[in-house]
């Protein structure tokens, strides 16, 4: 259900998360979502995405939605053009990446490393690998020793079917890495480690400066803990109905779930004049 908050006024740019927000649970863009983005464009409102995905995982969205603005990948640590060429690219500092790998291994998590333009892992049949194949449209590179990639890592992911354990790991590993890396769950089953001091909120600020749009005229949509920094930097924020309570509490409005066209309903209810 959409909450009865006041409609945003004067929005010039909408930035949305992707997984759990813009696409359904089975990673589809619905006709209603595609139409909502078209309606934003017709109203003169810009649209972009900020995602935990690697750049390659944004390609199909660019094609289906006709995206024409810079996008934030790796939770905003990389900014790419619609053709996926990099505008800004940051890596996790190698000592922090090695510390993160040690922490994730000690926690008993499956580990993925996004480095050198590839999705790298040790077990191609591990938890959620089929889902990630569908999500980013790519096959993983099997690597015997992930430690060899720590000087080139854009994102390290701890993966687990035990969602409560992963939530505990988020707090513990986040505290252990402190200012050396950014640690957020992008899904209940993915714990992302990305470069320090860079998050989706920083991408909102970058877009504000790049396009000359004040933050109060930017609206954001999201469903997970890694979207809360984006909410904090934008003038109007909308949480999905499938978001955890803490994420909903951090937003100014709540819409329906991602499997019930929540993005499209939220655009119609809160954003469009």
C-alpha atoms as a PDB file:
ATOM      1  CA  UNK A   1       0.000   0.000   0.000  1.00  0.00           C
ATOM      2  CA  UNK A   2       1.097   3.560  -0.678  1.00  0.00           C
ATOM      3  CA  UNK A   3       1.330   5.741   2.393  1.00  0.00           C
ATOM      4  CA  UNK A   4      -0.705   8.926   2.510  1.00  0.00           C
ATOM      5  CA  UNK A   5       2.208  11.337   2.454  1.00  0.00           C
ATOM      6  CA  UNK A   6       2.090  14.598   0.541  1.00  0.00           C
ATOM      7  CA  UNK A   7       3.119  14.487  -3.090  1.00  0.00           C
ATOM      8  CA  UNK A   8       6.635  15.700  -3.905  1.00  0.00           C
ATOM      9  CA  UNK A   9       6.772  19.108  -5.592  1.00  0.00           C
ATOM     10  CA  UNK A  10       9.042  20.235  -8.407  1.00  0.00           C
ATOM     11  CA  UNK A  11      10.920  16.963  -8.884  1.00  0.00           C
ATOM     12  CA  UNK A  12      13.348  17.207 -11.835  1.00  0.00           C
ATOM     13  CA  UNK A  13      15.176  13.857 -11.469  1.00  0.00           C
ATOM     14  CA  UNK A  14      14.238  10.396 -10.215  1.00  0.00           C
ATOM     15  CA  UNK A  15      16.968   7.927  -9.228  1.00  0.00           C
ATOM     16  CA  UNK A  16      15.906   4.344  -8.544  1.00  0.00           C
ATOM     17  CA  UNK A  17      17.484   1.243  -7.156  1.00  0.00           C
ATOM     18  CA  UNK A  18      17.067  -1.783  -9.419  1.00  0.00           C
ATOM     19  CA  UNK A  19      16.781  -5.146  -7.632  1.00  0.00           C
ATOM     20  CA  UNK A  20      13.870  -5.267  -5.228  1.00  0.00           C
ATOM     21  CA  UNK A  21      12.662  -1.924  -6.579  1.00  0.00           C
ATOM     22  CA  UNK A  22      12.566  -1.408 -10.341  1.00  0.00           C
ATOM     23  CA  UNK A  23      12.420  -5.089 -11.310  1.00  0.00           C
ATOM     24  CA  UNK A  24      10.275  -7.930  -9.993  1.00  0.00           C
ATOM     25  CA  UNK A  25      11.551 -10.766  -7.860  1.00  0.00           C
ATOM     26  CA  UNK A  26      12.290 -12.742 -11.025  1.00  0.00           C
ATOM     27  CA  UNK A  27      14.243  -9.763 -12.454  1.00  0.00           C
ATOM     28  CA  UNK A  28      11.687  -8.540 -15.008  1.00  0.00           C
ATOM     29  CA  UNK A  29      10.760  -5.005 -15.942  1.00  0.00           C
ATOM     30  CA  UNK A  30       6.970  -4.904 -16.140  1.00  0.00           C
ATOM     31  CA  UNK A  31       5.061  -2.981 -18.796  1.00  0.00           C
ATOM     32  CA  UNK A  32       3.833  -0.629 -16.070  1.00  0.00           C
ATOM     33  CA  UNK A  33       7.402   0.170 -14.990  1.00  0.00           C
ATOM     34  CA  UNK A  34       8.548   0.846 -18.561  1.00  0.00           C
ATOM     35  CA  UNK A  35       5.517   3.080 -19.057  1.00  0.00           C
ATOM     36  CA  UNK A  36       6.219   4.947 -15.804  1.00  0.00           C
ATOM     37  CA  UNK A  37       9.740   5.818 -16.961  1.00  0.00           C
ATOM     38  CA  UNK A  38       8.304   7.000 -20.288  1.00  0.00           C
ATOM     39  CA  UNK A  39       5.808   9.198 -18.444  1.00  0.00           C
ATOM     40  CA  UNK A  40       8.609  10.740 -16.391  1.00  0.00           C
ATOM     41  CA  UNK A  41      10.497  11.565 -19.574  1.00  0.00           C
ATOM     42  CA  UNK A  42       7.358  13.035 -21.185  1.00  0.00           C
ATOM     43  CA  UNK A  43       6.940  15.258 -18.116  1.00  0.00           C
ATOM     44  CA  UNK A  44      10.506  16.531 -18.477  1.00  0.00           C
ATOM     45  CA  UNK A  45      11.756  14.608 -15.445  1.00  0.00           C
ATOM     46  CA  UNK A  46      15.114  12.860 -15.779  1.00  0.00           C
ATOM     47  CA  UNK A  47      15.548   9.222 -14.772  1.00  0.00           C
ATOM     48  CA  UNK A  48      18.609   7.213 -13.742  1.00  0.00           C
ATOM     49  CA  UNK A  49      19.504   4.173 -11.668  1.00  0.00           C
ATOM     50  CA  UNK A  50      21.809   3.452  -8.750  1.00  0.00           C
ATOM     51  CA  UNK A  51      22.492  -0.227  -8.249  1.00  0.00           C
ATOM     52  CA  UNK A  52      24.734  -2.708  -6.497  1.00  0.00           C
ATOM     53  CA  UNK A  53      25.047  -4.417  -9.886  1.00  0.00           C
ATOM     54  CA  UNK A  54      28.234  -4.250 -11.955  1.00  0.00           C
ATOM     55  CA  UNK A  55      28.014  -2.092 -15.091  1.00  0.00           C
ATOM     56  CA  UNK A  56      27.377  -5.119 -17.320  1.00  0.00           C
ATOM     57  CA  UNK A  57      24.265  -5.844 -15.265  1.00  0.00           C
ATOM     58  CA  UNK A  58      22.766  -2.503 -16.341  1.00  0.00           C
ATOM     59  CA  UNK A  59      22.961  -3.101 -20.102  1.00  0.00           C
ATOM     60  CA  UNK A  60      19.491  -4.601 -20.581  1.00  0.00           C
ATOM     61  CA  UNK A  61      17.928  -1.823 -18.496  1.00  0.00           C
ATOM     62  CA  UNK A  62      19.514   0.820 -20.722  1.00  0.00           C
ATOM     63  CA  UNK A  63      18.021  -0.860 -23.784  1.00  0.00           C
ATOM     64  CA  UNK A  64      14.560  -1.485 -22.358  1.00  0.00           C
ATOM     65  CA  UNK A  65      14.150   1.900 -20.652  1.00  0.00           C
ATOM     66  CA  UNK A  66      16.021   4.073 -23.151  1.00  0.00           C
ATOM     67  CA  UNK A  67      18.296   5.423 -20.409  1.00  0.00           C
ATOM     68  CA  UNK A  68      20.318   8.476 -21.412  1.00  0.00           C
ATOM     69  CA  UNK A  69      21.900   9.737 -18.165  1.00  0.00           C
ATOM     70  CA  UNK A  70      24.928   8.548 -16.164  1.00  0.00           C
ATOM     71  CA  UNK A  71      24.238   5.603 -13.876  1.00  0.00           C
ATOM     72  CA  UNK A  72      25.683   4.455 -10.552  1.00  0.00           C
ATOM     73  CA  UNK A  73      27.034   0.887 -10.435  1.00  0.00           C
ATOM     74  CA  UNK A  74      28.597  -0.969  -7.487  1.00  0.00           C
ATOM     75  CA  UNK A  75      26.411   1.044  -5.080  1.00  0.00           C
ATOM     76  CA  UNK A  76      27.617   4.292  -6.636  1.00  0.00           C
ATOM     77  CA  UNK A  77      31.343   3.566  -6.469  1.00  0.00           C
ATOM     78  CA  UNK A  78      31.441   3.514 -10.276  1.00  0.00           C
ATOM     79  CA  UNK A  79      29.644   6.031 -12.493  1.00  0.00           C
ATOM     80  CA  UNK A  80      29.087   4.915 -16.080  1.00  0.00           C
ATOM     81  CA  UNK A  81      27.549   6.315 -19.242  1.00  0.00           C
ATOM     82  CA  UNK A  82      24.606   4.567 -20.939  1.00  0.00           C
ATOM     83  CA  UNK A  83      27.132   2.744 -23.187  1.00  0.00           C
ATOM     84  CA  UNK A  84      28.705   1.468 -19.909  1.00  0.00           C
ATOM     85  CA  UNK A  85      31.963   3.340 -20.459  1.00  0.00           C
ATOM     86  CA  UNK A  86      33.327   4.617 -17.126  1.00  0.00           C
ATOM     87  CA  UNK A  87      33.124   8.227 -16.000  1.00  0.00           C
ATOM     88  CA  UNK A  88      34.479   7.465 -12.532  1.00  0.00           C
ATOM     89  CA  UNK A  89      35.751   4.138 -11.251  1.00  0.00           C
ATOM     90  CA  UNK A  90      37.010   3.395  -7.743  1.00  0.00           C
ATOM     91  CA  UNK A  91      38.438   0.157  -6.358  1.00  0.00           C
ATOM     92  CA  UNK A  92      38.511  -1.143  -2.797  1.00  0.00           C
ATOM     93  CA  UNK A  93      41.979  -0.373  -1.375  1.00  0.00           C
ATOM     94  CA  UNK A  94      43.924  -3.645  -1.410  1.00  0.00           C
ATOM     95  CA  UNK A  95      44.534  -3.893   2.372  1.00  0.00           C
ATOM     96  CA  UNK A  96      40.823  -3.359   3.015  1.00  0.00           C
ATOM     97  CA  UNK A  97      39.882  -5.870   0.314  1.00  0.00           C
ATOM     98  CA  UNK A  98      42.145  -8.500   1.909  1.00  0.00           C
ATOM     99  CA  UNK A  99      40.688  -7.790   5.343  1.00  0.00           C
ATOM    100  CA  UNK A 100      37.163  -8.096   3.924  1.00  0.00           C
ATOM    101  CA  UNK A 101      37.974 -11.397   2.247  1.00  0.00           C
ATOM    102  CA  UNK A 102      39.340 -12.766   5.529  1.00  0.00           C
ATOM    103  CA  UNK A 103      36.244 -11.624   7.421  1.00  0.00           C
ATOM    104  CA  UNK A 104      33.821 -13.101   4.873  1.00  0.00           C
ATOM    105  CA  UNK A 105      35.715 -16.405   4.831  1.00  0.00           C
ATOM    106  CA  UNK A 106      35.738 -16.542   8.638  1.00  0.00           C
ATOM    107  CA  UNK A 107      31.957 -16.004   8.604  1.00  0.00           C
ATOM    108  CA  UNK A 108      31.516 -19.072   6.409  1.00  0.00           C
ATOM    109  CA  UNK A 109      30.008 -17.170   3.484  1.00  0.00           C
ATOM    110  CA  UNK A 110      30.232 -17.928  -0.210  1.00  0.00           C
ATOM    111  CA  UNK A 111      32.253 -15.129  -1.802  1.00  0.00           C
ATOM    112  CA  UNK A 112      32.088 -13.373  -5.141  1.00  0.00           C
ATOM    113  CA  UNK A 113      34.592 -10.794  -6.371  1.00  0.00           C
ATOM    114  CA  UNK A 114      33.825  -8.311  -9.133  1.00  0.00           C
ATOM    115  CA  UNK A 115      37.179  -7.394 -10.654  1.00  0.00           C
ATOM    116  CA  UNK A 116      38.728  -6.751 -14.053  1.00  0.00           C
ATOM    117  CA  UNK A 117      35.271  -6.473 -15.589  1.00  0.00           C
ATOM    118  CA  UNK A 118      34.340 -10.001 -14.511  1.00  0.00           C
ATOM    119  CA  UNK A 119      32.250 -11.770 -11.865  1.00  0.00           C
ATOM    120  CA  UNK A 120      34.699 -14.119 -10.153  1.00  0.00           C
ATOM    121  CA  UNK A 121      34.028 -16.967  -7.720  1.00  0.00           C
ATOM    122  CA  UNK A 122      35.273 -20.370  -6.620  1.00  0.00           C
ATOM    123  CA  UNK A 123      32.031 -22.380  -6.852  1.00  0.00           C
ATOM    124  CA  UNK A 124      29.919 -21.776  -9.984  1.00  0.00           C
ATOM    125  CA  UNK A 125      27.075 -23.833  -8.475  1.00  0.00           C
ATOM    126  CA  UNK A 126      26.991 -22.022  -5.116  1.00  0.00           C
ATOM    127  CA  UNK A 127      23.949 -20.276  -3.596  1.00  0.00           C
ATOM    128  CA  UNK A 128      22.242 -17.688  -5.813  1.00  0.00           C
ATOM    129  CA  UNK A 129      24.649 -18.146  -8.730  1.00  0.00           C
ATOM    130  CA  UNK A 130      21.755 -18.954 -11.087  1.00  0.00           C
ATOM    131  CA  UNK A 131      19.959 -15.822  -9.931  1.00  0.00           C
ATOM    132  CA  UNK A 132      23.044 -13.677 -10.530  1.00  0.00           C
ATOM    133  CA  UNK A 133      23.496 -15.150 -14.016  1.00  0.00           C
ATOM    134  CA  UNK A 134      19.973 -14.015 -14.860  1.00  0.00           C
ATOM    135  CA  UNK A 135      20.419 -10.669 -13.121  1.00  0.00           C
ATOM    136  CA  UNK A 136      23.583  -9.511 -14.865  1.00  0.00           C
ATOM    137  CA  UNK A 137      23.377 -11.617 -18.025  1.00  0.00           C
ATOM    138  CA  UNK A 138      26.884 -13.019 -17.662  1.00  0.00           C
ATOM    139  CA  UNK A 139      28.692 -16.216 -16.698  1.00  0.00           C
ATOM    140  CA  UNK A 140      31.108 -16.220 -13.756  1.00  0.00           C
ATOM    141  CA  UNK A 141      34.850 -16.674 -14.057  1.00  0.00           C
ATOM    142  CA  UNK A 142      35.988 -19.534 -11.817  1.00  0.00           C
ATOM    143  CA  UNK A 143      39.098 -18.550  -9.843  1.00  0.00           C
ATOM    144  CA  UNK A 144      40.970 -20.935  -7.543  1.00  0.00           C
ATOM    145  CA  UNK A 145      42.355 -18.180  -5.287  1.00  0.00           C
ATOM    146  CA  UNK A 146      40.242 -15.046  -4.876  1.00  0.00           C
ATOM    147  CA  UNK A 147      43.150 -13.451  -3.019  1.00  0.00           C
ATOM    148  CA  UNK A 148      44.858 -12.842  -6.371  1.00  0.00           C
ATOM    149  CA  UNK A 149      42.115 -10.309  -7.211  1.00  0.00           C
ATOM    150  CA  UNK A 150      42.337  -8.144  -4.116  1.00  0.00           C
ATOM    151  CA  UNK A 151      44.310  -5.413  -5.875  1.00  0.00           C
ATOM    152  CA  UNK A 152      41.588  -5.038  -8.523  1.00  0.00           C
ATOM    153  CA  UNK A 153      38.292  -5.515  -6.660  1.00  0.00           C
ATOM    154  CA  UNK A 154      35.384  -3.147  -7.316  1.00  0.00           C
ATOM    155  CA  UNK A 155      33.011  -5.138  -5.110  1.00  0.00           C
ATOM    156  CA  UNK A 156      33.262  -8.212  -2.865  1.00  0.00           C
ATOM    157  CA  UNK A 157      30.041 -10.003  -1.962  1.00  0.00           C
ATOM    158  CA  UNK A 158      29.323 -12.392   0.881  1.00  0.00           C
ATOM    159  CA  UNK A 159      26.445 -14.677  -0.108  1.00  0.00           C
ATOM    160  CA  UNK A 160      24.283 -16.795   2.188  1.00  0.00           C
ATOM    161  CA  UNK A 161      20.869 -18.445   2.333  1.00  0.00           C
ATOM    162  CA  UNK A 162      20.927 -17.748   6.091  1.00  0.00           C
ATOM    163  CA  UNK A 163      19.561 -14.210   6.039  1.00  0.00           C
ATOM    164  CA  UNK A 164      19.741 -13.679   9.804  1.00  0.00           C
ATOM    165  CA  UNK A 165      23.401 -14.718   9.820  1.00  0.00           C
ATOM    166  CA  UNK A 166      24.111 -12.307   6.974  1.00  0.00           C
ATOM    167  CA  UNK A 167      22.415  -9.469   8.878  1.00  0.00           C
ATOM    168  CA  UNK A 168      24.676 -10.198  11.843  1.00  0.00           C
ATOM    169  CA  UNK A 169      27.686 -10.290   9.526  1.00  0.00           C
ATOM    170  CA  UNK A 170      26.729  -6.858   8.167  1.00  0.00           C
ATOM    171  CA  UNK A 171      27.064  -5.338  11.630  1.00  0.00           C
ATOM    172  CA  UNK A 172      30.209  -7.252  12.594  1.00  0.00           C
ATOM    173  CA  UNK A 173      32.112  -6.860   9.338  1.00  0.00           C
ATOM    174  CA  UNK A 174      30.979  -3.260   8.937  1.00  0.00           C
ATOM    175  CA  UNK A 175      32.425  -2.480  12.369  1.00  0.00           C
ATOM    176  CA  UNK A 176      35.637  -4.396  11.636  1.00  0.00           C
ATOM    177  CA  UNK A 177      36.255  -2.546   8.370  1.00  0.00           C
ATOM    178  CA  UNK A 178      35.013   0.804   9.737  1.00  0.00           C
ATOM    179  CA  UNK A 179      36.264   3.595   7.455  1.00  0.00           C
ATOM    180  CA  UNK A 180      38.283   1.261   5.213  1.00  0.00           C
ATOM    181  CA  UNK A 181      35.313   0.071   3.102  1.00  0.00           C
ATOM    182  CA  UNK A 182      31.550   0.510   2.729  1.00  0.00           C
ATOM    183  CA  UNK A 183      29.566  -2.521   3.943  1.00  0.00           C
ATOM    184  CA  UNK A 184      25.828  -2.869   3.208  1.00  0.00           C
ATOM    185  CA  UNK A 185      23.383  -5.659   2.359  1.00  0.00           C
ATOM    186  CA  UNK A 186      21.929  -5.010  -1.102  1.00  0.00           C
ATOM    187  CA  UNK A 187      19.545  -7.964  -0.635  1.00  0.00           C
ATOM    188  CA  UNK A 188      18.729 -10.177   2.340  1.00  0.00           C
ATOM    189  CA  UNK A 189      21.178 -12.700   0.831  1.00  0.00           C
ATOM    190  CA  UNK A 190      23.978 -10.392  -0.453  1.00  0.00           C
ATOM    191  CA  UNK A 191      26.443  -8.479   1.736  1.00  0.00           C
ATOM    192  CA  UNK A 192      28.341  -5.989  -0.421  1.00  0.00           C
ATOM    193  CA  UNK A 193      31.785  -4.593   0.343  1.00  0.00           C
ATOM    194  CA  UNK A 194      32.605  -1.585  -1.840  1.00  0.00           C
ATOM    195  CA  UNK A 195      35.123   1.302  -1.764  1.00  0.00           C
ATOM    196  CA  UNK A 196      35.092   3.510   1.354  1.00  0.00           C
ATOM    197  CA  UNK A 197      33.085   6.740   1.628  1.00  0.00           C
ATOM    198  CA  UNK A 198      31.261   5.970  -1.630  1.00  0.00           C
ATOM    199  CA  UNK A 199      27.622   4.934  -1.627  1.00  0.00           C
ATOM    200  CA  UNK A 200      24.361   5.639  -3.407  1.00  0.00           C
ATOM    201  CA  UNK A 201      24.032   8.881  -1.475  1.00  0.00           C
ATOM    202  CA  UNK A 202      27.287  10.071  -2.944  1.00  0.00           C
ATOM    203  CA  UNK A 203      25.913   9.199  -6.414  1.00  0.00           C
ATOM    204  CA  UNK A 204      22.853  11.385  -5.750  1.00  0.00           C
ATOM    205  CA  UNK A 205      25.189  14.256  -4.843  1.00  0.00           C
ATOM    206  CA  UNK A 206      27.308  13.602  -7.958  1.00  0.00           C
ATOM    207  CA  UNK A 207      24.233  13.676 -10.192  1.00  0.00           C
ATOM    208  CA  UNK A 208      23.000  16.846  -8.498  1.00  0.00           C
ATOM    209  CA  UNK A 209      26.281  18.587  -9.340  1.00  0.00           C
ATOM    210  CA  UNK A 210      26.594  17.016 -12.813  1.00  0.00           C
ATOM    211  CA  UNK A 211      23.092  18.035 -13.926  1.00  0.00           C
ATOM    212  CA  UNK A 212      22.807  21.231 -11.885  1.00  0.00           C
ATOM    213  CA  UNK A 213      19.686  19.950 -10.122  1.00  0.00           C
ATOM    214  CA  UNK A 214      19.435  20.813  -6.423  1.00  0.00           C
ATOM    215  CA  UNK A 215      19.081  17.774  -4.133  1.00  0.00           C
ATOM    216  CA  UNK A 216      15.614  18.892  -3.020  1.00  0.00           C
ATOM    217  CA  UNK A 217      14.396  18.384  -6.618  1.00  0.00           C
ATOM    218  CA  UNK A 218      15.663  14.772  -6.717  1.00  0.00           C
ATOM    219  CA  UNK A 219      13.445  11.827  -5.722  1.00  0.00           C
ATOM    220  CA  UNK A 220      14.802   8.369  -4.915  1.00  0.00           C
ATOM    221  CA  UNK A 221      13.245   4.890  -4.790  1.00  0.00           C
ATOM    222  CA  UNK A 222      14.721   1.874  -2.956  1.00  0.00           C
ATOM    223  CA  UNK A 223      14.136  -1.195  -0.832  1.00  0.00           C
ATOM    224  CA  UNK A 224      17.323  -2.073   1.056  1.00  0.00           C
ATOM    225  CA  UNK A 225      19.825  -0.770   3.587  1.00  0.00           C
ATOM    226  CA  UNK A 226      22.159   0.355   0.815  1.00  0.00           C
ATOM    227  CA  UNK A 227      19.405   2.718  -0.401  1.00  0.00           C
ATOM    228  CA  UNK A 228      19.165   4.646   2.865  1.00  0.00           C
ATOM    229  CA  UNK A 229      22.182   6.895   2.057  1.00  0.00           C
ATOM    230  CA  UNK A 230      20.364   7.774  -1.195  1.00  0.00           C
ATOM    231  CA  UNK A 231      17.221   8.668   0.749  1.00  0.00           C
ATOM    232  CA  UNK A 232      19.250  10.919   3.040  1.00  0.00           C
ATOM    233  CA  UNK A 233      20.729  12.951   0.168  1.00  0.00           C
ATOM    234  CA  UNK A 234      17.544  13.471  -1.870  1.00  0.00           C
ATOM    235  CA  UNK A 235      14.609  15.792  -1.413  1.00  0.00           C
ATOM    236  CA  UNK A 236      11.969  13.071  -1.568  1.00  0.00           C
ATOM    237  CA  UNK A 237      12.373   9.354  -0.895  1.00  0.00           C
ATOM    238  CA  UNK A 238      10.072   6.400  -1.545  1.00  0.00           C
ATOM    239  CA  UNK A 239      10.557   2.954   0.017  1.00  0.00           C
ATOM    240  CA  UNK A 240       9.081  -0.156  -1.537  1.00  0.00           C
ATOM    241  CA  UNK A 241       6.387  -2.159   0.199  1.00  0.00           C
ATOM    242  CA  UNK A 242       8.764  -5.139   0.286  1.00  0.00           C
ATOM    243  CA  UNK A 243      11.439  -3.134   2.161  1.00  0.00           C
ATOM    244  CA  UNK A 244      12.360  -3.901   5.763  1.00  0.00           C
ATOM    245  CA  UNK A 245      10.702  -1.712   8.389  1.00  0.00           C
ATOM    246  CA  UNK A 246      13.898   0.282   9.045  1.00  0.00           C
ATOM    247  CA  UNK A 247      14.190   1.154   5.357  1.00  0.00           C
ATOM    248  CA  UNK A 248      10.536   2.183   5.163  1.00  0.00           C
ATOM    249  CA  UNK A 249      11.015   4.336   8.263  1.00  0.00           C
ATOM    250  CA  UNK A 250      13.938   6.124   6.574  1.00  0.00           C
ATOM    251  CA  UNK A 251      11.797   7.168   3.580  1.00  0.00           C
ATOM    252  CA  UNK A 252       9.202   9.924   3.280  1.00  0.00           C
ATOM    253  CA  UNK A 253       6.696   7.679   1.531  1.00  0.00           C
ATOM    254  CA  UNK A 254       6.022   3.981   1.018  1.00  0.00           C
ATOM    255  CA  UNK A 255       4.580   2.418  -2.125  1.00  0.00           C
ATOM    256  CA  UNK A 256       3.532  -1.118  -3.079  1.00  0.00           C
ATOM    257  CA  UNK A 257       5.986  -4.011  -3.442  1.00  0.00           C
ATOM    258  CA  UNK A 258       8.228  -4.590  -6.438  1.00  0.00           C
ATOM    259  CA  UNK A 259       6.037  -7.538  -7.448  1.00  0.00           C
ATOM    260  CA  UNK A 260       2.931  -5.307  -7.430  1.00  0.00           C
ATOM    261  CA  UNK A 261       4.233  -2.502  -9.689  1.00  0.00           C
ATOM    262  CA  UNK A 262       5.214  -0.422  -6.666  1.00  0.00           C
ATOM    263  CA  UNK A 263       7.601   1.770  -8.675  1.00  0.00           C
ATOM    264  CA  UNK A 264       4.940   2.641 -11.260  1.00  0.00           C
ATOM    265  CA  UNK A 265       2.339   3.304  -8.568  1.00  0.00           C
ATOM    266  CA  UNK A 266       4.790   5.448  -6.623  1.00  0.00           C
ATOM    267  CA  UNK A 267       5.668   7.551  -9.677  1.00  0.00           C
ATOM    268  CA  UNK A 268       1.985   8.156 -10.381  1.00  0.00           C
ATOM    269  CA  UNK A 269       1.064   8.800  -6.749  1.00  0.00           C
ATOM    270  CA  UNK A 270       3.993  10.896  -5.550  1.00  0.00           C
ATOM    271  CA  UNK A 271       6.040  12.275  -8.454  1.00  0.00           C
ATOM    272  CA  UNK A 272       4.031  13.135 -11.543  1.00  0.00           C
ATOM    273  CA  UNK A 273       2.229  16.476 -11.486  1.00  0.00           C
END
